[in-house]
Amino acid sequence: MANVIIQIHGLGNKPPKDLLERWWERAMIEGLKNNNYKTDLPKHEMVYWADILHDKPLNQFEKDKESPYYLDEIYVKPSKKLLPENHDTRKKIIGFLNRQLNRIFLNEDFSLNYSFITDRILSNYFTDLETYYKEETTLEAVSTTKIKDLIRERLLKVLEKYQKDNIMLIAHSMGSIVAFDVLTFLADQIKIHTLITIGSPLGLPIVVSKIAAEQRQKLNGQSFMITPEGVNSWYNFSDILDKVALNYELADDFSENKSGVKPVDFLVVNNYEINGVANPHKSYGYLRTPEFSKILNGFILSERLTFKEKLVGRTNKYFKITKLKLSIQKRKVRSWFRRKR
């Protein structure tokens, strides 16, 4: 049983698959080296689906900035080391906004209020996501199949190919929605050693409502928003300035699976910047953060562990999960008392 990394990109058009895969690889290698890890990447494969929605990929050699195929964000190393800033005030504001958004837009059963507002947001800012959630596609080449089924099938095939291996699944942005859907509805028996979501919109009310609606339809009354059963570990990375990952605490939105696994959230500094313009949502920046590199290095080394070391690791993980549960429960109790004052 070998270790393998499966990657799935996010929304929007992309450069060609081989180039995107190479840039993800460079980012991960750079992160490992910068954080003094001596490990090499195992086998890895990109699940590429931009071609389903876009007729041609972005072109790094296109000079016309007005061209729809102009690639303005190539892979670059960080120009400077970004120091962590104090975002305590922003965290409090975002926490308040998320609570209000959930209260306003989500009912207790996770159905959606004011859908005309969220539909307008999808249409204006997240066209790929809007197309993904449409009941029927309007693209001529795939006129009889839903777009979301075509995208999910891409990931499912790769997961099935490596189902006998130890899988780390890295999902960026909208790719995290695709990953969650596939692991919940199509591949719940496939074991995922480590699920990593980066810049994920999974906690946004519109996404929560869409997932819950499909769960009501397909899972026969099962409780909603549960960590997929095949997932052994789930780590979620967000930059506080990443607007797509506005609700960065997925641990508050997804409950444990039968193995006691739920998201573990990390706030990180995404240092992607090009021509003086920062993009805290860019996948390359997430893939070279120290926090991500630590998890990646641990996954790579896990292939070399003895049975005794793996047993100790599972025991330590059990105690960490128990400690996390107690911490979350204490936080909820403190929050309850504050509201009662």
Protein backbone atom coordinates (compact mmCIF):
# COMPACT_ATOMS: atom_id res chain seq x y z
CA MET A 1 0.00 0.00 0.00
CA ALA A 2 1.63 3.25 -1.18
CA ASN A 3 0.94 6.88 -0.40
CA VAL A 4 -0.64 8.96 -3.16
CA ILE A 5 -1.76 12.59 -3.32
CA ILE A 6 -4.89 13.46 -5.31
CA GLN A 7 -5.50 17.14 -6.02
CA ILE A 8 -8.61 18.88 -7.28
CA HIS A 9 -8.58 22.55 -8.30
CA GLY A 10 -11.17 25.25 -7.69
CA LEU A 11 -13.51 27.41 -9.74
CA GLY A 12 -12.61 29.51 -12.77
CA ASN A 13 -10.65 28.71 -15.90
CA LYS A 14 -7.15 27.29 -15.40
CA PRO A 15 -3.89 26.82 -17.28
CA PRO A 16 -3.46 23.41 -18.98
CA LYS A 17 -3.56 20.39 -16.69
CA ASP A 18 0.14 19.51 -16.88
CA LEU A 19 1.15 23.09 -16.10
CA LEU A 20 -1.29 23.47 -13.21
CA GLU A 21 -0.14 20.13 -11.80
CA ARG A 22 3.51 21.22 -12.08
CA TRP A 23 2.81 24.49 -10.27
CA TRP A 24 1.00 22.71 -7.43
CA GLU A 25 3.98 20.38 -7.19
CA ARG A 26 6.43 23.30 -7.05
CA ALA A 27 4.43 24.96 -4.29
CA MET A 28 4.38 21.82 -2.14
CA ILE A 29 8.10 21.14 -2.68
CA GLU A 30 8.92 24.76 -1.89
CA GLY A 31 6.94 24.55 1.34
CA LEU A 32 8.69 21.36 2.42
CA LYS A 33 12.14 22.81 1.72
CA ASN A 34 11.45 26.16 3.34
CA ASN A 35 10.31 24.40 6.50
CA ASN A 36 13.33 22.09 6.57
CA TYR A 37 11.55 18.84 5.76
CA LYS A 38 13.74 16.39 3.85
CA THR A 39 10.95 14.35 2.33
CA ASP A 40 10.08 13.93 -1.34
CA LEU A 41 6.57 14.04 -2.75
CA PRO A 42 4.93 10.66 -3.35
CA LYS A 43 2.98 9.94 -6.53
CA HIS A 44 0.40 12.65 -7.18
CA GLU A 45 -2.32 13.33 -9.72
CA MET A 46 -4.44 16.36 -10.54
CA VAL A 47 -8.18 15.97 -11.07
CA TYR A 48 -8.72 18.57 -13.77
CA TRP A 49 -12.24 19.70 -14.65
CA ALA A 50 -11.89 23.28 -15.98
CA ASP A 51 -12.22 21.94 -19.54
CA ILE A 52 -15.80 20.87 -18.80
CA LEU A 53 -16.84 24.51 -18.40
CA HIS A 54 -14.29 26.35 -20.54
CA ASP A 55 -13.49 25.74 -24.21
CA LYS A 56 -9.76 26.54 -23.93
CA PRO A 57 -7.36 26.81 -20.97
CA LEU A 58 -5.64 29.99 -19.88
CA ASN A 59 -2.43 30.69 -21.80
CA GLN A 60 0.69 31.91 -19.99
CA PHE A 61 2.05 33.27 -23.30
CA GLU A 62 -1.03 35.35 -24.11
CA LYS A 63 0.01 39.04 -24.11
CA ASP A 64 -3.41 40.62 -24.59
CA LYS A 65 -4.74 41.40 -21.13
CA GLU A 66 -8.24 41.76 -22.56
CA SER A 67 -8.23 38.18 -23.87
CA PRO A 68 -10.41 35.72 -21.91
CA TYR A 69 -7.41 33.35 -22.00
CA TYR A 70 -4.93 35.79 -20.49
CA LEU A 71 -3.23 34.24 -17.44
CA ASP A 72 -2.48 36.95 -14.91
CA GLU A 73 -1.55 34.76 -11.93
CA ILE A 74 1.32 32.43 -12.83
CA TYR A 75 3.28 30.53 -10.23
CA VAL A 76 5.87 32.72 -8.50
CA LYS A 77 7.88 32.36 -5.34
CA PRO A 78 6.98 34.76 -2.54
CA SER A 79 8.70 38.12 -3.01
CA LYS A 80 9.02 38.61 0.71
CA LYS A 81 8.27 36.81 3.93
CA LEU A 82 4.89 37.94 5.17
CA LEU A 83 4.72 38.32 8.91
CA PRO A 84 1.51 37.30 10.68
CA GLU A 85 -0.67 40.30 11.44
CA ASN A 86 -3.04 40.77 14.33
CA HIS A 87 -6.50 40.12 12.92
CA ASP A 88 -8.36 39.71 16.22
CA THR A 89 -10.82 42.48 15.36
CA ARG A 90 -11.43 41.03 11.90
CA LYS A 91 -12.00 37.57 13.42
CA LYS A 92 -14.64 38.99 15.76
CA ILE A 93 -16.37 40.83 12.91
CA ILE A 94 -16.31 37.77 10.65
CA GLY A 95 -17.56 35.57 13.48
CA PHE A 96 -20.46 37.97 14.05
CA LEU A 97 -21.23 38.14 10.32
CA ASN A 98 -21.22 34.38 9.96
CA ARG A 99 -23.63 33.96 12.87
CA GLN A 100 -25.94 36.58 11.38
CA LEU A 101 -25.73 35.14 7.86
CA ASN A 102 -26.61 31.68 9.14
CA ARG A 103 -29.47 33.08 11.22
CA ILE A 104 -30.87 35.07 8.31
CA PHE A 105 -30.38 32.67 5.42
CA LEU A 106 -30.56 29.19 7.01
CA ASN A 107 -33.53 27.52 8.66
CA GLU A 108 -33.07 24.85 11.33
CA ASP A 109 -33.22 22.13 8.66
CA PHE A 110 -30.56 24.00 6.61
CA SER A 111 -33.06 25.01 3.93
CA LEU A 112 -32.47 28.46 2.48
CA ASN A 113 -34.29 31.75 3.01
CA TYR A 114 -34.13 34.60 0.50
CA SER A 115 -32.78 32.38 -2.26
CA PHE A 116 -33.20 35.21 -4.79
CA ILE A 117 -30.36 37.05 -3.03
CA THR A 118 -27.98 34.11 -2.97
CA ASP A 119 -28.88 33.24 -6.56
CA ARG A 120 -27.87 36.75 -7.60
CA ILE A 121 -24.56 36.40 -5.72
CA LEU A 122 -23.85 33.10 -7.46
CA SER A 123 -24.70 34.54 -10.84
CA ASN A 124 -22.51 37.61 -10.42
CA TYR A 125 -19.46 36.23 -8.62
CA PHE A 126 -19.42 32.42 -8.76
CA THR A 127 -20.59 31.45 -12.24
CA ASP A 128 -18.89 28.03 -12.17
CA LEU A 129 -20.60 27.23 -8.88
CA GLU A 130 -23.93 28.42 -10.27
CA THR A 131 -23.50 26.09 -13.26
CA TYR A 132 -22.53 23.23 -10.94
CA TYR A 133 -25.78 23.56 -9.01
CA LYS A 134 -28.05 23.97 -12.02
CA GLU A 135 -30.45 21.06 -12.50
CA GLU A 136 -29.67 20.72 -16.20
CA THR A 137 -26.75 21.94 -18.26
CA THR A 138 -27.09 24.12 -21.32
CA LEU A 139 -23.74 23.21 -22.85
CA GLU A 140 -24.22 21.53 -26.24
CA ALA A 141 -21.40 19.03 -25.80
CA VAL A 142 -22.94 17.58 -22.65
CA SER A 143 -26.60 18.38 -23.18
CA THR A 144 -27.96 15.23 -21.53
CA THR A 145 -25.80 15.20 -18.41
CA LYS A 146 -25.66 17.50 -15.42
CA ILE A 147 -22.43 19.43 -15.11
CA LYS A 148 -21.99 18.42 -11.48
CA ASP A 149 -22.21 14.74 -12.43
CA LEU A 150 -19.49 15.17 -15.05
CA ILE A 151 -17.22 16.95 -12.58
CA ARG A 152 -17.87 14.44 -9.81
CA GLU A 153 -17.15 11.55 -12.18
CA ARG A 154 -13.65 12.92 -12.83
CA LEU A 155 -12.80 12.76 -9.14
CA LEU A 156 -14.56 9.44 -8.56
CA LYS A 157 -12.53 7.69 -11.27
CA VAL A 158 -9.22 8.80 -9.78
CA LEU A 159 -10.30 7.84 -6.25
CA GLU A 160 -11.29 4.39 -7.46
CA LYS A 161 -7.96 3.99 -9.24
CA TYR A 162 -6.06 4.53 -5.98
CA GLN A 163 -8.54 3.09 -3.48
CA LYS A 164 -6.06 0.44 -2.32
CA ASP A 165 -3.49 3.11 -1.46
CA ASN A 166 -3.22 5.67 1.33
CA ILE A 167 -4.88 8.75 -0.16
CA MET A 168 -4.29 12.37 0.71
CA LEU A 169 -7.00 14.39 -1.05
CA ILE A 170 -6.23 18.11 -1.40
CA ALA A 171 -9.20 20.20 -2.52
CA HIS A 172 -9.05 23.92 -3.25
CA SER A 173 -12.00 26.33 -3.22
CA MET A 174 -14.94 24.87 -5.20
CA GLY A 175 -12.95 21.66 -5.47
CA SER A 176 -13.66 21.13 -1.76
CA ILE A 177 -17.40 21.12 -2.54
CA VAL A 178 -16.86 18.53 -5.28
CA ALA A 179 -14.70 16.45 -2.92
CA PHE A 180 -17.26 16.55 -0.11
CA ASP A 181 -20.09 15.62 -2.49
CA VAL A 182 -18.19 12.69 -4.00
CA LEU A 183 -17.06 11.36 -0.61
CA THR A 184 -20.61 11.69 0.75
CA PHE A 185 -22.77 10.51 -2.15
CA LEU A 186 -20.58 8.38 -4.44
CA ALA A 187 -17.48 7.09 -2.68
CA ASP A 188 -18.41 6.70 0.99
CA GLN A 189 -16.66 3.30 1.10
CA ILE A 190 -13.32 4.61 -0.18
CA LYS A 191 -10.91 5.34 2.65
CA ILE A 192 -9.27 8.75 2.69
CA HIS A 193 -6.21 8.87 4.92
CA THR A 194 -6.15 12.68 4.95
CA LEU A 195 -8.60 15.19 3.51
CA ILE A 196 -7.26 18.73 3.18
CA THR A 197 -9.47 21.65 2.19
CA ILE A 198 -7.86 25.00 1.34
CA GLY A 199 -9.72 28.26 0.78
CA SER A 200 -12.98 26.36 1.12
CA PRO A 201 -16.48 27.87 0.79
CA LEU A 202 -18.09 24.81 2.42
CA GLY A 203 -19.30 26.86 5.38
CA LEU A 204 -21.19 29.47 3.33
CA PRO A 205 -25.00 29.33 3.77
CA ILE A 206 -25.71 28.82 0.05
CA VAL A 207 -23.36 25.80 -0.06
CA VAL A 208 -24.65 24.36 3.22
CA SER A 209 -28.22 24.55 1.94
CA LYS A 210 -27.34 22.85 -1.36
CA ILE A 211 -25.54 20.01 0.39
CA ALA A 212 -28.37 19.55 2.89
CA ALA A 213 -30.97 19.50 0.11
CA GLU A 214 -29.15 16.70 -1.69
CA GLN A 215 -28.66 14.83 1.58
CA ARG A 216 -32.40 15.00 2.26
CA GLN A 217 -33.02 13.53 -1.18
CA LYS A 218 -30.40 10.77 -1.16
CA LEU A 219 -29.61 9.79 2.42
CA ASN A 220 -33.07 8.83 3.70
CA GLY A 221 -33.38 11.23 6.58
CA GLN A 222 -29.81 10.93 7.83
CA SER A 223 -28.55 13.89 9.86
CA PHE A 224 -27.05 16.63 7.74
CA MET A 225 -23.53 18.02 7.44
CA ILE A 226 -21.60 15.00 8.69
CA THR A 227 -17.94 14.39 7.90
CA PRO A 228 -17.83 11.68 5.18
CA GLU A 229 -17.49 8.23 6.73
CA GLY A 230 -14.37 7.24 4.79
CA VAL A 231 -12.33 10.21 6.00
CA ASN A 232 -9.69 9.42 8.64
CA SER A 233 -8.45 13.01 9.12
CA TRP A 234 -9.73 16.36 7.87
CA TYR A 235 -7.68 19.57 8.00
CA ASN A 236 -9.10 22.87 6.78
CA PHE A 237 -6.79 25.79 5.95
CA SER A 238 -8.01 29.37 5.56
CA ASP A 239 -6.48 32.83 5.40
CA ILE A 240 -8.48 35.38 7.38
CA LEU A 241 -8.35 37.66 4.31
CA ASP A 242 -9.68 34.99 1.93
CA LYS A 243 -13.19 36.14 1.05
CA VAL A 244 -14.18 32.78 -0.47
CA ALA A 245 -13.43 31.09 2.87
CA LEU A 246 -15.37 33.72 4.82
CA ASN A 247 -16.71 31.08 7.21
CA TYR A 248 -13.32 29.60 8.04
CA GLU A 249 -14.39 27.47 11.02
CA LEU A 250 -15.78 24.33 9.39
CA ALA A 251 -15.61 22.49 12.72
CA ASP A 252 -18.72 24.47 13.70
CA ASP A 253 -20.61 23.36 10.58
CA PHE A 254 -19.72 19.67 10.16
CA SER A 255 -20.30 17.04 12.82
CA GLU A 256 -18.23 13.92 13.48
CA ASN A 257 -18.42 10.76 11.42
CA LYS A 258 -18.64 7.37 13.16
CA SER A 259 -14.89 7.40 13.72
CA GLY A 260 -15.07 10.70 15.61
CA VAL A 261 -13.50 12.70 12.77
CA LYS A 262 -14.51 16.28 11.97
CA PRO A 263 -12.65 19.25 10.47
CA VAL A 264 -9.64 20.68 12.29
CA ASP A 265 -9.34 24.35 11.32
CA PHE A 266 -6.11 26.28 10.76
CA LEU A 267 -5.85 30.01 10.12
CA VAL A 268 -2.73 30.52 7.98
CA VAL A 269 -0.99 33.29 6.06
CA ASN A 270 -1.33 32.79 2.30
CA ASN A 271 1.71 34.60 0.87
CA TYR A 272 0.84 34.51 -2.82
CA GLU A 273 1.56 37.86 -4.44
CA ILE A 274 2.28 38.89 -8.02
CA ASN A 275 3.17 42.34 -9.34
CA GLY A 276 2.55 43.74 -5.89
CA VAL A 277 -1.00 42.38 -5.72
CA ALA A 278 -1.78 39.78 -3.06
CA ASN A 279 -4.32 37.00 -3.53
CA PRO A 280 -4.97 35.24 -0.19
CA HIS A 281 -7.22 32.72 -1.97
CA LYS A 282 -4.58 31.38 -4.37
CA SER A 283 -3.87 27.66 -4.09
CA TYR A 284 -0.08 28.04 -4.46
CA GLY A 285 0.15 30.19 -1.35
CA TYR A 286 -1.82 27.69 0.73
CA LEU A 287 0.30 24.76 -0.48
CA ARG A 288 3.53 26.23 0.90
CA THR A 289 2.35 27.44 4.31
CA PRO A 290 4.23 25.96 7.30
CA GLU A 291 1.02 24.46 8.70
CA PHE A 292 0.20 22.68 5.45
CA SER A 293 3.80 21.50 5.00
CA LYS A 294 3.75 19.93 8.46
CA ILE A 295 0.65 17.88 7.65
CA LEU A 296 2.05 16.97 4.23
CA ASN A 297 5.37 15.85 5.71
CA GLY A 298 3.57 13.72 8.30
CA PHE A 299 1.56 12.03 5.55
CA ILE A 300 4.69 11.29 3.52
CA LEU A 301 6.48 9.83 6.53
CA SER A 302 3.46 7.71 7.50
CA GLU A 303 4.34 5.26 4.74
CA ARG A 304 7.53 4.38 6.61
CA LEU A 305 6.00 3.86 10.06
CA THR A 306 6.11 0.50 11.78
CA PHE A 307 2.95 -1.11 13.15
CA LYS A 308 3.90 0.00 16.69
CA GLU A 309 4.43 3.59 15.56
CA LYS A 310 1.08 3.62 13.75
CA LEU A 311 -0.64 2.26 16.88
CA VAL A 312 0.93 5.01 19.00
CA GLY A 313 -0.13 7.55 16.38
CA ARG A 314 -3.74 6.36 16.47
CA THR A 315 -3.73 6.53 20.28
CA ASN A 316 -2.37 10.07 20.26
CA LYS A 317 -4.94 11.06 17.65
CA TYR A 318 -7.73 9.68 19.87
CA PHE A 319 -6.56 11.84 22.78
CA LYS A 320 -6.23 14.90 20.53
CA ILE A 321 -9.79 14.40 19.23
CA THR A 322 -11.05 14.00 22.80
CA LYS A 323 -9.23 17.17 23.85
CA LEU A 324 -10.68 19.02 20.85
CA LYS A 325 -14.20 17.89 21.72
CA LEU A 326 -13.81 19.15 25.29
CA SER A 327 -12.45 22.47 24.03
CA ILE A 328 -15.39 22.93 21.63
CA GLN A 329 -17.86 22.02 24.36
CA LYS A 330 -16.31 24.52 26.77
CA ARG A 331 -16.46 27.21 24.09
CA LYS A 332 -20.15 26.50 23.51
CA VAL A 333 -20.87 26.65 27.24
CA ARG A 334 -19.04 29.98 27.59
CA SER A 335 -20.93 31.33 24.58
CA TRP A 336 -24.24 30.22 26.13
CA PHE A 337 -23.47 32.01 29.40
CA ARG A 338 -22.47 35.19 27.56
CA ARG A 339 -25.79 35.22 25.71
CA LYS A 340 -27.70 34.76 28.97
CA ARG A 341 -26.08 37.77 30.61
